């Protein structure tokens, strides 16, 4: 009886182990090297789009230096 029970435990662990390996292989087959390279290219494209968007936002802003007046200028701010 004890021998049969040990065999059942070993067989059940073997089935679980093989099913985990099969599941892992199926996940890895979904992410082939070509797919990973495509995902990396998409990530780079998204980063570049974000960078361009930030640059466009910065270009649309009014900067202080555009309206800067030298303190020696008689019409500068703070002078009367």
C-alpha atoms as a PDB file:
ATOM      1  CA  UNK A   1       0.000   0.000   0.000  1.00  0.00           C
ATOM      2  CA  UNK A   2       2.739   2.416   0.927  1.00  0.00           C
ATOM      3  CA  UNK A   3       4.518   1.736  -2.377  1.00  0.00           C
ATOM      4  CA  UNK A   4       1.356   2.478  -4.399  1.00  0.00           C
ATOM      5  CA  UNK A   5       0.766   5.711  -2.526  1.00  0.00           C
ATOM      6  CA  UNK A   6       4.353   6.876  -3.183  1.00  0.00           C
ATOM      7  CA  UNK A   7       3.948   6.088  -6.867  1.00  0.00           C
ATOM      8  CA  UNK A   8       0.724   8.096  -7.016  1.00  0.00           C
ATOM      9  CA  UNK A   9       2.440  11.081  -5.414  1.00  0.00           C
ATOM     10  CA  UNK A  10       5.403  10.836  -7.793  1.00  0.00           C
ATOM     11  CA  UNK A  11       3.141  10.530 -10.839  1.00  0.00           C
ATOM     12  CA  UNK A  12       1.010  13.483  -9.728  1.00  0.00           C
ATOM     13  CA  UNK A  13       4.115  15.648  -9.195  1.00  0.00           C
ATOM     14  CA  UNK A  14       5.410  14.580 -12.595  1.00  0.00           C
ATOM     15  CA  UNK A  15       2.133  15.553 -14.272  1.00  0.00           C
ATOM     16  CA  UNK A  16       2.101  18.933 -12.507  1.00  0.00           C
ATOM     17  CA  UNK A  17       5.752  19.549 -13.394  1.00  0.00           C
ATOM     18  CA  UNK A  18       5.241  18.700 -17.061  1.00  0.00           C
ATOM     19  CA  UNK A  19       2.126  20.855 -17.276  1.00  0.00           C
ATOM     20  CA  UNK A  20       4.052  23.808 -15.811  1.00  0.00           C
ATOM     21  CA  UNK A  21       6.838  23.282 -18.349  1.00  0.00           C
ATOM     22  CA  UNK A  22       4.305  23.107 -21.187  1.00  0.00           C
ATOM     23  CA  UNK A  23       2.629  26.299 -19.965  1.00  0.00           C
ATOM     24  CA  UNK A  24       5.991  28.074 -19.786  1.00  0.00           C
ATOM     25  CA  UNK A  25       6.909  27.001 -23.299  1.00  0.00           C
ATOM     26  CA  UNK A  26       3.593  28.212 -24.654  1.00  0.00           C
ATOM     27  CA  UNK A  27       4.125  31.621 -23.047  1.00  0.00           C
ATOM     28  CA  UNK A  28       7.649  31.867 -24.451  1.00  0.00           C
ATOM     29  CA  UNK A  29       6.503  30.861 -27.920  1.00  0.00           C
ATOM     30  CA  UNK A  30       4.079  33.799 -27.923  1.00  0.00           C
ATOM     31  CA  UNK A  31       7.002  36.181 -27.397  1.00  0.00           C
ATOM     32  CA  UNK A  32       9.421  35.203 -30.120  1.00  0.00           C
ATOM     33  CA  UNK A  33      12.503  37.277 -30.801  1.00  0.00           C
ATOM     34  CA  UNK A  34      10.837  39.040 -33.735  1.00  0.00           C
ATOM     35  CA  UNK A  35       7.920  40.031 -31.538  1.00  0.00           C
ATOM     36  CA  UNK A  36      10.271  41.330 -28.854  1.00  0.00           C
ATOM     37  CA  UNK A  37      12.136  43.425 -31.427  1.00  0.00           C
ATOM     38  CA  UNK A  38       8.839  44.843 -32.690  1.00  0.00           C
ATOM     39  CA  UNK A  39       7.806  45.686 -29.130  1.00  0.00           C
ATOM     40  CA  UNK A  40      11.129  47.460 -28.574  1.00  0.00           C
ATOM     41  CA  UNK A  41      10.674  49.464 -31.789  1.00  0.00           C
ATOM     42  CA  UNK A  42       7.188  50.472 -30.700  1.00  0.00           C
ATOM     43  CA  UNK A  43       8.511  51.559 -27.315  1.00  0.00           C
ATOM     44  CA  UNK A  44      11.161  53.718 -28.991  1.00  0.00           C
ATOM     45  CA  UNK A  45       8.513  55.236 -31.268  1.00  0.00           C
ATOM     46  CA  UNK A  46       6.342  56.086 -28.259  1.00  0.00           C
ATOM     47  CA  UNK A  47       9.311  57.690 -26.478  1.00  0.00           C
ATOM     48  CA  UNK A  48      10.118  59.785 -29.553  1.00  0.00           C
ATOM     49  CA  UNK A  49       6.490  60.870 -29.878  1.00  0.00           C
ATOM     50  CA  UNK A  50       6.483  61.944 -26.225  1.00  0.00           C
ATOM     51  CA  UNK A  51       9.706  63.874 -26.731  1.00  0.00           C
ATOM     52  CA  UNK A  52       8.304  65.660 -29.805  1.00  0.00           C
ATOM     53  CA  UNK A  53       5.115  66.491 -27.907  1.00  0.00           C
ATOM     54  CA  UNK A  54       7.127  68.014 -25.043  1.00  0.00           C
ATOM     55  CA  UNK A  55       9.215  70.048 -27.489  1.00  0.00           C
ATOM     56  CA  UNK A  56       6.065  71.383 -29.162  1.00  0.00           C
ATOM     57  CA  UNK A  57       4.664  72.361 -25.772  1.00  0.00           C
ATOM     58  CA  UNK A  58       7.916  74.124 -24.868  1.00  0.00           C
ATOM     59  CA  UNK A  59       7.964  75.977 -28.193  1.00  0.00           C
ATOM     60  CA  UNK A  60       4.423  77.227 -27.606  1.00  0.00           C
ATOM     61  CA  UNK A  61       5.309  78.873 -24.300  1.00  0.00           C
ATOM     62  CA  UNK A  62       6.262  82.498 -23.869  1.00  0.00           C
ATOM     63  CA  UNK A  63       9.657  82.799 -22.272  1.00  0.00           C
ATOM     64  CA  UNK A  64      10.701  85.503 -19.845  1.00  0.00           C
ATOM     65  CA  UNK A  65      13.789  86.389 -21.873  1.00  0.00           C
ATOM     66  CA  UNK A  66      11.556  87.512 -24.743  1.00  0.00           C
ATOM     67  CA  UNK A  67      10.212  90.357 -22.608  1.00  0.00           C
ATOM     68  CA  UNK A  68      13.374  90.980 -20.610  1.00  0.00           C
ATOM     69  CA  UNK A  69      14.428  94.579 -20.207  1.00  0.00           C
ATOM     70  CA  UNK A  70      17.839  95.548 -18.961  1.00  0.00           C
ATOM     71  CA  UNK A  71      17.878  97.358 -15.603  1.00  0.00           C
ATOM     72  CA  UNK A  72      19.815 100.170 -17.262  1.00  0.00           C
ATOM     73  CA  UNK A  73      16.896 100.711 -19.668  1.00  0.00           C
ATOM     74  CA  UNK A  74      14.831 103.722 -18.531  1.00  0.00           C
ATOM     75  CA  UNK A  75      11.592 101.910 -19.469  1.00  0.00           C
ATOM     76  CA  UNK A  76      12.470  98.748 -17.558  1.00  0.00           C
ATOM     77  CA  UNK A  77      10.239  97.377 -14.868  1.00  0.00           C
ATOM     78  CA  UNK A  78      10.556  98.916 -11.428  1.00  0.00           C
ATOM     79  CA  UNK A  79      11.804 102.272 -12.687  1.00  0.00           C
ATOM     80  CA  UNK A  80       9.841 105.462 -12.242  1.00  0.00           C
END
